[in-house]
All heavy atoms as atom14 arrays in JSON, in Angstrom:
{
  "sequence": "HISSYSLIVEEGTPFYEIYGDIPPVDEETDRLMYQDTEAFLKKA",
  "atom14_mask": [
    [1, 1, 1, 1, 1, 1, 1, 1, 1, 1, 0, 0, 0, 0],
    [1, 1, 1, 1, 1, 1, 1, 1, 0, 0, 0, 0, 0, 0],
    [1, 1, 1, 1, 1, 1, 0, 0, 0, 0, 0, 0, 0, 0],
    [1, 1, 1, 1, 1, 1, 0, 0, 0, 0, 0, 0, 0, 0],
    [1, 1, 1, 1, 1, 1, 1, 1, 1, 1, 1, 1, 0, 0],
    [1, 1, 1, 1, 1, 1, 0, 0, 0, 0, 0, 0, 0, 0],
    [1, 1, 1, 1, 1, 1, 1, 1, 0, 0, 0, 0, 0, 0],
    [1, 1, 1, 1, 1, 1, 1, 1, 0, 0, 0, 0, 0, 0],
    [1, 1, 1, 1, 1, 1, 1, 0, 0, 0, 0, 0, 0, 0],
    [1, 1, 1, 1, 1, 1, 1, 1, 1, 0, 0, 0, 0, 0],
    [1, 1, 1, 1, 1, 1, 1, 1, 1, 0, 0, 0, 0, 0],
    [1, 1, 1, 1, 0, 0, 0, 0, 0, 0, 0, 0, 0, 0],
    [1, 1, 1, 1, 1, 1, 1, 0, 0, 0, 0, 0, 0, 0],
    [1, 1, 1, 1, 1, 1, 1, 0, 0, 0, 0, 0, 0, 0],
    [1, 1, 1, 1, 1, 1, 1, 1, 1, 1, 1, 0, 0, 0],
    [1, 1, 1, 1, 1, 1, 1, 1, 1, 1, 1, 1, 0, 0],
    [1, 1, 1, 1, 1, 1, 1, 1, 1, 0, 0, 0, 0, 0],
    [1, 1, 1, 1, 1, 1, 1, 1, 0, 0, 0, 0, 0, 0],
    [1, 1, 1, 1, 1, 1, 1, 1, 1, 1, 1, 1, 0, 0],
    [1, 1, 1, 1, 0, 0, 0, 0, 0, 0, 0, 0, 0, 0],
    [1, 1, 1, 1, 1, 1, 1, 1, 0, 0, 0, 0, 0, 0],
    [1, 1, 1, 1, 1, 1, 1, 1, 0, 0, 0, 0, 0, 0],
    [1, 1, 1, 1, 1, 1, 1, 0, 0, 0, 0, 0, 0, 0],
    [1, 1, 1, 1, 1, 1, 1, 0, 0, 0, 0, 0, 0, 0],
    [1, 1, 1, 1, 1, 1, 1, 0, 0, 0, 0, 0, 0, 0],
    [1, 1, 1, 1, 1, 1, 1, 1, 0, 0, 0, 0, 0, 0],
    [1, 1, 1, 1, 1, 1, 1, 1, 1, 0, 0, 0, 0, 0],
    [1, 1, 1, 1, 1, 1, 1, 1, 1, 0, 0, 0, 0, 0],
    [1, 1, 1, 1, 1, 1, 1, 0, 0, 0, 0, 0, 0, 0],
    [1, 1, 1, 1, 1, 1, 1, 1, 0, 0, 0, 0, 0, 0],
    [1, 1, 1, 1, 1, 1, 1, 1, 1, 1, 1, 0, 0, 0],
    [1, 1, 1, 1, 1, 1, 1, 1, 0, 0, 0, 0, 0, 0],
    [1, 1, 1, 1, 1, 1, 1, 1, 0, 0, 0, 0, 0, 0],
    [1, 1, 1, 1, 1, 1, 1, 1, 1, 1, 1, 1, 0, 0],
    [1, 1, 1, 1, 1, 1, 1, 1, 1, 0, 0, 0, 0, 0],
    [1, 1, 1, 1, 1, 1, 1, 1, 0, 0, 0, 0, 0, 0],
    [1, 1, 1, 1, 1, 1, 1, 0, 0, 0, 0, 0, 0, 0],
    [1, 1, 1, 1, 1, 1, 1, 1, 1, 0, 0, 0, 0, 0],
    [1, 1, 1, 1, 1, 0, 0, 0, 0, 0, 0, 0, 0, 0],
    [1, 1, 1, 1, 1, 1, 1, 1, 1, 1, 1, 0, 0, 0],
    [1, 1, 1, 1, 1, 1, 1, 1, 0, 0, 0, 0, 0, 0],
    [1, 1, 1, 1, 1, 1, 1, 1, 1, 0, 0, 0, 0, 0],
    [1, 1, 1, 1, 1, 1, 1, 1, 1, 0, 0, 0, 0, 0],
    [1, 1, 1, 1, 1, 0, 0, 0, 0, 0, 0, 0, 0, 0]
  ],
  "atom14_positions": [
    [[27.01, -41.21, 18.13], [26.73, -42.41, 17.34], [27.94, -43.32, 17.4], [29.08, -42.86, 17.39], [26.44, -41.99, 15.89], [25.91, -43.07, 15.0], [26.67, -44.12, 14.53], [24.67, -43.25, 14.47], [25.92, -44.88, 13.74], [24.71, -44.38, 13.69], [0.0, 0.0, 0.0], [0.0, 0.0, 0.0], [0.0, 0.0, 0.0], [0.0, 0.0, 0.0]],
    [[27.71, -44.62, 17.48], [28.79, -45.61, 17.48], [28.42, -46.73, 16.51], [27.32, -47.3, 16.59], [29.04, -46.2, 18.88], [29.47, -45.09, 19.85], [30.1, -47.3, 18.83], [29.56, -45.53, 21.31], [0.0, 0.0, 0.0], [0.0, 0.0, 0.0], [0.0, 0.0, 0.0], [0.0, 0.0, 0.0], [0.0, 0.0, 0.0], [0.0, 0.0, 0.0]],
    [[29.32, -47.04, 15.59], [29.15, -48.18, 14.69], [30.16, -49.24, 15.09], [31.36, -48.96, 15.2], [29.4, -47.77, 13.23], [28.47, -46.8, 12.81], [0.0, 0.0, 0.0], [0.0, 0.0, 0.0], [0.0, 0.0, 0.0], [0.0, 0.0, 0.0], [0.0, 0.0, 0.0], [0.0, 0.0, 0.0], [0.0, 0.0, 0.0], [0.0, 0.0, 0.0]],
    [[29.68, -50.45, 15.33], [30.56, -51.54, 15.72], [30.39, -52.71, 14.77], [29.32, -53.31, 14.7], [30.25, -52.01, 17.15], [31.06, -53.12, 17.5], [0.0, 0.0, 0.0], [0.0, 0.0, 0.0], [0.0, 0.0, 0.0], [0.0, 0.0, 0.0], [0.0, 0.0, 0.0], [0.0, 0.0, 0.0], [0.0, 0.0, 0.0], [0.0, 0.0, 0.0]],
    [[31.44, -53.0, 14.03], [31.39, -54.05, 13.02], [32.3, -55.21, 13.42], [33.42, -54.99, 13.88], [31.82, -53.51, 11.66], [30.93, -52.42, 11.14], [31.27, -51.08, 11.3], [29.74, -52.73, 10.49], [30.44, -50.07, 10.84], [28.9, -51.72, 10.02], [29.26, -50.39, 10.19], [28.43, -49.4, 9.73], [0.0, 0.0, 0.0], [0.0, 0.0, 0.0]],
    [[31.82, -56.41, 13.23], [32.65, -57.59, 13.43], [33.49, -57.81, 12.18], [32.96, -57.78, 11.06], [31.78, -58.82, 13.7], [32.56, -59.98, 13.87], [0.0, 0.0, 0.0], [0.0, 0.0, 0.0], [0.0, 0.0, 0.0], [0.0, 0.0, 0.0], [0.0, 0.0, 0.0], [0.0, 0.0, 0.0], [0.0, 0.0, 0.0], [0.0, 0.0, 0.0]],
    [[34.79, -57.98, 12.35], [35.69, -58.15, 11.22], [35.29, -59.36, 10.37], [35.1, -60.46, 10.9], [37.13, -58.33, 11.7], [38.16, -58.69, 10.63], [38.36, -57.52, 9.66], [39.49, -59.08, 11.26], [0.0, 0.0, 0.0], [0.0, 0.0, 0.0], [0.0, 0.0, 0.0], [0.0, 0.0, 0.0], [0.0, 0.0, 0.0], [0.0, 0.0, 0.0]],
    [[35.16, -59.15, 9.09], [34.94, -60.23, 8.14], [36.16, -60.29, 7.23], [36.52, -59.28, 6.63], [33.66, -60.01, 7.31], [32.43, -59.98, 8.23], [33.5, -61.1, 6.25], [31.14, -59.63, 7.51], [0.0, 0.0, 0.0], [0.0, 0.0, 0.0], [0.0, 0.0, 0.0], [0.0, 0.0, 0.0], [0.0, 0.0, 0.0], [0.0, 0.0, 0.0]],
    [[36.8, -61.42, 7.17], [37.99, -61.57, 6.33], [37.54, -61.82, 4.9], [36.98, -62.87, 4.58], [38.89, -62.72, 6.83], [40.09, -62.9, 5.91], [39.36, -62.43, 8.26], [0.0, 0.0, 0.0], [0.0, 0.0, 0.0], [0.0, 0.0, 0.0], [0.0, 0.0, 0.0], [0.0, 0.0, 0.0], [0.0, 0.0, 0.0], [0.0, 0.0, 0.0]],
    [[37.76, -60.84, 4.04], [37.29, -60.9, 2.66], [38.4, -61.37, 1.72], [39.58, -61.07, 1.92], [36.81, -59.52, 2.2], [35.7, -58.93, 3.05], [34.34, -59.54, 2.76], [34.26, -60.49, 1.96], [33.35, -59.05, 3.34], [0.0, 0.0, 0.0], [0.0, 0.0, 0.0], [0.0, 0.0, 0.0], [0.0, 0.0, 0.0], [0.0, 0.0, 0.0]],
    [[38.0, -62.11, 0.69], [38.97, -62.53, -0.32], [39.59, -61.31, -0.98], [38.95, -60.28, -1.16], [38.28, -63.4, -1.39], [37.91, -64.79, -0.9], [37.47, -65.69, -2.04], [38.16, -65.69, -3.08], [36.44, -66.37, -1.9], [0.0, 0.0, 0.0], [0.0, 0.0, 0.0], [0.0, 0.0, 0.0], [0.0, 0.0, 0.0], [0.0, 0.0, 0.0]],
    [[40.87, -61.44, -1.34], [41.55, -60.35, -2.0], [42.24, -59.39, -1.06], [42.88, -58.43, -1.5], [0.0, 0.0, 0.0], [0.0, 0.0, 0.0], [0.0, 0.0, 0.0], [0.0, 0.0, 0.0], [0.0, 0.0, 0.0], [0.0, 0.0, 0.0], [0.0, 0.0, 0.0], [0.0, 0.0, 0.0], [0.0, 0.0, 0.0], [0.0, 0.0, 0.0]],
    [[42.09, -59.61, 0.25], [42.76, -58.75, 1.23], [43.98, -59.47, 1.8], [44.05, -60.71, 1.78], [41.81, -58.39, 2.39], [41.47, -59.6, 3.1], [40.54, -57.75, 1.87], [0.0, 0.0, 0.0], [0.0, 0.0, 0.0], [0.0, 0.0, 0.0], [0.0, 0.0, 0.0], [0.0, 0.0, 0.0], [0.0, 0.0, 0.0], [0.0, 0.0, 0.0]],
    [[44.96, -58.73, 2.35], [46.11, -59.37, 3.0], [45.7, -60.33, 4.11], [46.34, -61.37, 4.3], [46.91, -58.18, 3.54], [46.6, -57.07, 2.59], [45.15, -57.25, 2.24], [0.0, 0.0, 0.0], [0.0, 0.0, 0.0], [0.0, 0.0, 0.0], [0.0, 0.0, 0.0], [0.0, 0.0, 0.0], [0.0, 0.0, 0.0], [0.0, 0.0, 0.0]],
    [[44.64, -59.97, 4.84], [44.18, -60.86, 5.92], [43.74, -62.21, 5.38], [43.9, -63.24, 6.03], [43.02, -60.21, 6.68], [43.46, -59.41, 7.88], [44.8, -59.28, 8.21], [42.52, -58.77, 8.68], [45.21, -58.53, 9.32], [42.91, -58.02, 9.78], [44.25, -57.91, 10.11], [0.0, 0.0, 0.0], [0.0, 0.0, 0.0], [0.0, 0.0, 0.0]],
    [[43.16, -62.22, 4.17], [42.7, -63.5, 3.61], [43.88, -64.4, 3.31], [43.79, -65.63, 3.46], [41.86, -63.26, 2.34], [41.15, -64.52, 1.88], [39.97, -64.92, 2.5], [41.67, -65.31, 0.86], [39.31, -66.07, 2.1], [41.01, -66.46, 0.45], [39.84, -66.84, 1.08], [39.2, -67.99, 0.69], [0.0, 0.0, 0.0], [0.0, 0.0, 0.0]],
    [[44.99, -63.82, 2.89], [46.19, -64.61, 2.62], [46.72, -65.24, 3.9], [47.33, -66.31, 3.87], [47.26, -63.72, 1.99], [46.88, -63.19, 0.61], [47.94, -62.26, 0.04], [49.07, -62.27, 0.58], [47.64, -61.54, -0.93], [0.0, 0.0, 0.0], [0.0, 0.0, 0.0], [0.0, 0.0, 0.0], [0.0, 0.0, 0.0], [0.0, 0.0, 0.0]],
    [[46.48, -64.58, 5.03], [46.96, -65.08, 6.31], [45.98, -66.08, 6.92], [46.36, -67.16, 7.37], [47.18, -63.92, 7.29], [48.21, -62.93, 6.74], [47.61, -64.44, 8.67], [48.31, -61.65, 7.54], [0.0, 0.0, 0.0], [0.0, 0.0, 0.0], [0.0, 0.0, 0.0], [0.0, 0.0, 0.0], [0.0, 0.0, 0.0], [0.0, 0.0, 0.0]],
    [[44.7, -65.72, 6.93], [43.71, -66.5, 7.67], [42.81, -67.37, 6.79], [42.2, -68.32, 7.28], [42.83, -65.57, 8.51], [43.63, -64.75, 9.49], [43.88, -63.4, 9.25], [44.16, -65.32, 10.64], [44.62, -62.64, 10.13], [44.91, -64.56, 11.53], [45.14, -63.23, 11.28], [45.89, -62.48, 12.15], [0.0, 0.0, 0.0], [0.0, 0.0, 0.0]],
    [[42.7, -67.04, 5.51], [41.82, -67.8, 4.64], [40.39, -67.76, 5.15], [39.87, -66.7, 5.53], [0.0, 0.0, 0.0], [0.0, 0.0, 0.0], [0.0, 0.0, 0.0], [0.0, 0.0, 0.0], [0.0, 0.0, 0.0], [0.0, 0.0, 0.0], [0.0, 0.0, 0.0], [0.0, 0.0, 0.0], [0.0, 0.0, 0.0], [0.0, 0.0, 0.0]],
    [[39.75, -68.92, 5.19], [38.36, -69.0, 5.64], [38.23, -69.24, 7.14], [37.13, -69.46, 7.65], [37.63, -70.11, 4.88], [37.5, -69.79, 3.39], [37.23, -68.62, 3.07], [37.68, -70.71, 2.57], [0.0, 0.0, 0.0], [0.0, 0.0, 0.0], [0.0, 0.0, 0.0], [0.0, 0.0, 0.0], [0.0, 0.0, 0.0], [0.0, 0.0, 0.0]],
    [[39.34, -69.24, 7.85], [39.32, -69.48, 9.29], [39.33, -68.14, 10.02], [40.3, -67.38, 9.94], [40.53, -70.32, 9.74], [40.55, -71.65, 8.98], [40.49, -70.55, 11.25], [41.8, -72.46, 9.24], [0.0, 0.0, 0.0], [0.0, 0.0, 0.0], [0.0, 0.0, 0.0], [0.0, 0.0, 0.0], [0.0, 0.0, 0.0], [0.0, 0.0, 0.0]],
    [[38.25, -67.78, 10.73], [38.19, -66.49, 11.42], [39.33, -66.36, 12.42], [39.68, -67.33, 13.1], [36.84, -66.53, 12.13], [36.03, -67.54, 11.37], [37.02, -68.57, 10.91], [0.0, 0.0, 0.0], [0.0, 0.0, 0.0], [0.0, 0.0, 0.0], [0.0, 0.0, 0.0], [0.0, 0.0, 0.0], [0.0, 0.0, 0.0], [0.0, 0.0, 0.0]],
    [[39.94, -65.17, 12.55], [41.06, -64.98, 13.46], [40.66, -65.04, 14.93], [41.52, -65.2, 15.8], [41.59, -63.59, 13.09], [40.45, -62.9, 12.43], [39.67, -63.97, 11.74], [0.0, 0.0, 0.0], [0.0, 0.0, 0.0], [0.0, 0.0, 0.0], [0.0, 0.0, 0.0], [0.0, 0.0, 0.0], [0.0, 0.0, 0.0], [0.0, 0.0, 0.0]],
    [[39.37, -64.89, 15.23], [38.86, -65.01, 16.6], [37.8, -66.11, 16.61], [36.96, -66.18, 15.72], [38.25, -63.67, 17.07], [37.52, -63.85, 18.4], [39.34, -62.61, 17.21], [0.0, 0.0, 0.0], [0.0, 0.0, 0.0], [0.0, 0.0, 0.0], [0.0, 0.0, 0.0], [0.0, 0.0, 0.0], [0.0, 0.0, 0.0], [0.0, 0.0, 0.0]],
    [[37.85, -66.98, 17.62], [36.93, -68.11, 17.64], [35.48, -67.64, 17.77], [35.19, -66.54, 18.26], [37.28, -69.06, 18.79], [37.04, -68.43, 20.16], [35.92, -68.55, 20.68], [38.0, -67.83, 20.7], [0.0, 0.0, 0.0], [0.0, 0.0, 0.0], [0.0, 0.0, 0.0], [0.0, 0.0, 0.0], [0.0, 0.0, 0.0], [0.0, 0.0, 0.0]],
    [[34.57, -68.49, 17.32], [33.16, -68.12, 17.21], [32.55, -67.73, 18.55], [31.76, -66.78, 18.63], [32.38, -69.31, 16.61], [30.93, -68.99, 16.3], [30.21, -70.14, 15.62], [30.89, -71.04, 15.1], [28.97, -70.12, 15.61], [0.0, 0.0, 0.0], [0.0, 0.0, 0.0], [0.0, 0.0, 0.0], [0.0, 0.0, 0.0], [0.0, 0.0, 0.0]],
    [[32.91, -68.43, 19.62], [32.34, -68.13, 20.93], [32.77, -66.74, 21.42], [31.95, -65.96, 21.92], [32.76, -69.19, 21.94], [32.29, -68.95, 23.36], [30.78, -68.97, 23.54], [30.07, -69.4, 22.6], [30.31, -68.55, 24.6], [0.0, 0.0, 0.0], [0.0, 0.0, 0.0], [0.0, 0.0, 0.0], [0.0, 0.0, 0.0], [0.0, 0.0, 0.0]],
    [[34.06, -66.41, 21.25], [34.55, -65.1, 21.66], [33.89, -64.0, 20.83], [33.5, -62.95, 21.35], [36.08, -65.01, 21.52], [36.68, -66.03, 22.32], [36.61, -63.66, 21.95], [0.0, 0.0, 0.0], [0.0, 0.0, 0.0], [0.0, 0.0, 0.0], [0.0, 0.0, 0.0], [0.0, 0.0, 0.0], [0.0, 0.0, 0.0], [0.0, 0.0, 0.0]],
    [[33.75, -64.24, 19.55], [33.09, -63.29, 18.65], [31.66, -63.04, 19.12], [31.2, -61.89, 19.17], [33.11, -63.85, 17.23], [32.66, -62.82, 16.18], [32.48, -61.64, 16.54], [32.47, -63.21, 15.02], [0.0, 0.0, 0.0], [0.0, 0.0, 0.0], [0.0, 0.0, 0.0], [0.0, 0.0, 0.0], [0.0, 0.0, 0.0], [0.0, 0.0, 0.0]],
    [[30.96, -64.09, 19.47], [29.56, -63.98, 19.93], [29.47, -63.18, 21.23], [28.6, -62.33, 21.39], [28.96, -65.37, 20.12], [27.48, -65.37, 20.48], [26.95, -66.79, 20.61], [27.59, -67.47, 21.72], [27.21, -67.34, 23.0], [26.21, -66.54, 23.32], [27.83, -68.0, 23.95], [0.0, 0.0, 0.0], [0.0, 0.0, 0.0], [0.0, 0.0, 0.0]],
    [[30.41, -63.43, 22.16], [30.42, -62.71, 23.43], [30.71, -61.22, 23.23], [30.12, -60.36, 23.89], [31.44, -63.33, 24.38], [31.1, -64.73, 24.9], [32.28, -65.33, 25.66], [29.85, -64.68, 25.79], [0.0, 0.0, 0.0], [0.0, 0.0, 0.0], [0.0, 0.0, 0.0], [0.0, 0.0, 0.0], [0.0, 0.0, 0.0], [0.0, 0.0, 0.0]],
    [[31.63, -60.91, 22.3], [31.9, -59.5, 21.98], [30.65, -58.84, 21.42], [30.34, -57.69, 21.76], [33.04, -59.41, 20.95], [34.4, -59.8, 21.46], [35.62, -59.72, 20.1], [37.12, -60.24, 20.95], [0.0, 0.0, 0.0], [0.0, 0.0, 0.0], [0.0, 0.0, 0.0], [0.0, 0.0, 0.0], [0.0, 0.0, 0.0], [0.0, 0.0, 0.0]],
    [[29.95, -59.57, 20.58], [28.72, -59.07, 19.97], [27.7, -58.72, 21.05], [27.05, -57.68, 21.01], [28.19, -60.18, 19.05], [27.13, -59.76, 18.05], [27.45, -58.94, 16.98], [25.83, -60.24, 18.15], [26.49, -58.58, 16.04], [24.86, -59.9, 17.22], [25.2, -59.07, 16.16], [24.25, -58.72, 15.24], [0.0, 0.0, 0.0], [0.0, 0.0, 0.0]],
    [[27.59, -59.6, 22.05], [26.66, -59.37, 23.15], [27.11, -58.21, 24.03], [26.3, -57.41, 24.51], [26.5, -60.65, 23.97], [25.82, -61.77, 23.21], [25.81, -63.09, 23.98], [26.43, -63.2, 25.04], [25.11, -64.08, 23.44], [0.0, 0.0, 0.0], [0.0, 0.0, 0.0], [0.0, 0.0, 0.0], [0.0, 0.0, 0.0], [0.0, 0.0, 0.0]],
    [[28.43, -58.11, 24.24], [28.97, -57.01, 25.04], [28.66, -55.66, 24.41], [28.38, -54.68, 25.11], [30.49, -57.15, 25.2], [30.87, -58.23, 26.21], [30.01, -58.62, 27.02], [32.03, -58.68, 26.18], [0.0, 0.0, 0.0], [0.0, 0.0, 0.0], [0.0, 0.0, 0.0], [0.0, 0.0, 0.0], [0.0, 0.0, 0.0], [0.0, 0.0, 0.0]],
    [[28.72, -55.6, 23.09], [28.46, -54.34, 22.39], [27.09, -53.8, 22.77], [26.96, -52.64, 23.2], [28.53, -54.52, 20.86], [29.78, -55.11, 20.5], [28.37, -53.19, 20.14], [0.0, 0.0, 0.0], [0.0, 0.0, 0.0], [0.0, 0.0, 0.0], [0.0, 0.0, 0.0], [0.0, 0.0, 0.0], [0.0, 0.0, 0.0], [0.0, 0.0, 0.0]],
    [[26.08, -54.62, 22.64], [24.72, -54.17, 22.94], [24.57, -53.84, 24.43], [23.99, -52.81, 24.79], [23.68, -55.22, 22.54], [22.26, -54.75, 22.8], [21.2, -55.72, 22.32], [21.48, -56.92, 22.24], [20.08, -55.25, 22.03], [0.0, 0.0, 0.0], [0.0, 0.0, 0.0], [0.0, 0.0, 0.0], [0.0, 0.0, 0.0], [0.0, 0.0, 0.0]],
    [[25.1, -54.71, 25.29], [24.94, -54.5, 26.73], [25.6, -53.21, 27.2], [25.0, -52.41, 27.93], [25.52, -55.7, 27.49], [0.0, 0.0, 0.0], [0.0, 0.0, 0.0], [0.0, 0.0, 0.0], [0.0, 0.0, 0.0], [0.0, 0.0, 0.0], [0.0, 0.0, 0.0], [0.0, 0.0, 0.0], [0.0, 0.0, 0.0], [0.0, 0.0, 0.0]],
    [[26.84, -52.99, 26.79], [27.59, -51.8, 27.22], [26.95, -50.52, 26.67], [26.79, -49.54, 27.4], [29.05, -51.89, 26.76], [29.94, -52.69, 27.66], [29.67, -54.03, 27.93], [31.05, -52.13, 28.24], [30.49, -54.78, 28.75], [31.89, -52.86, 29.06], [31.6, -54.19, 29.32], [0.0, 0.0, 0.0], [0.0, 0.0, 0.0], [0.0, 0.0, 0.0]],
    [[26.58, -50.56, 25.38], [26.06, -49.35, 24.77], [24.64, -49.03, 25.25], [24.28, -47.86, 25.43], [26.11, -49.46, 23.25], [27.52, -49.55, 22.66], [27.47, -49.55, 21.13], [28.42, -48.42, 23.15], [0.0, 0.0, 0.0], [0.0, 0.0, 0.0], [0.0, 0.0, 0.0], [0.0, 0.0, 0.0], [0.0, 0.0, 0.0], [0.0, 0.0, 0.0]],
    [[23.85, -50.06, 25.48], [22.5, -49.84, 26.0], [22.56, -49.19, 27.38], [21.83, -48.23, 27.67], [21.75, -51.17, 26.07], [20.31, -51.03, 26.54], [19.6, -52.38, 26.53], [18.15, -52.23, 26.98], [17.45, -53.55, 26.98], [0.0, 0.0, 0.0], [0.0, 0.0, 0.0], [0.0, 0.0, 0.0], [0.0, 0.0, 0.0], [0.0, 0.0, 0.0]],
    [[23.44, -49.7, 28.22], [23.61, -49.14, 29.56], [24.06, -47.68, 29.51], [23.71, -46.87, 30.37], [24.63, -49.97, 30.35], [24.77, -49.57, 31.8], [25.73, -50.49, 32.54], [25.85, -50.06, 34.0], [26.8, -50.94, 34.75], [0.0, 0.0, 0.0], [0.0, 0.0, 0.0], [0.0, 0.0, 0.0], [0.0, 0.0, 0.0], [0.0, 0.0, 0.0]],
    [[24.83, -47.34, 28.47], [25.35, -45.98, 28.34], [24.37, -45.04, 27.63], [24.69, -43.87, 27.4], [26.67, -46.01, 27.57], [0.0, 0.0, 0.0], [0.0, 0.0, 0.0], [0.0, 0.0, 0.0], [0.0, 0.0, 0.0], [0.0, 0.0, 0.0], [0.0, 0.0, 0.0], [0.0, 0.0, 0.0], [0.0, 0.0, 0.0], [0.0, 0.0, 0.0]]
  ]
}
């Protein structure tokens, strides 16, 4: 079994103090990673 979660920067965490509401990875890269997850795991 493999669980793959996209990082969500939540209020009250150290990451939120650094990044605030701006995701640390741009939306397009995040979307491509999301697609890679399904493609790689389906093939496997």
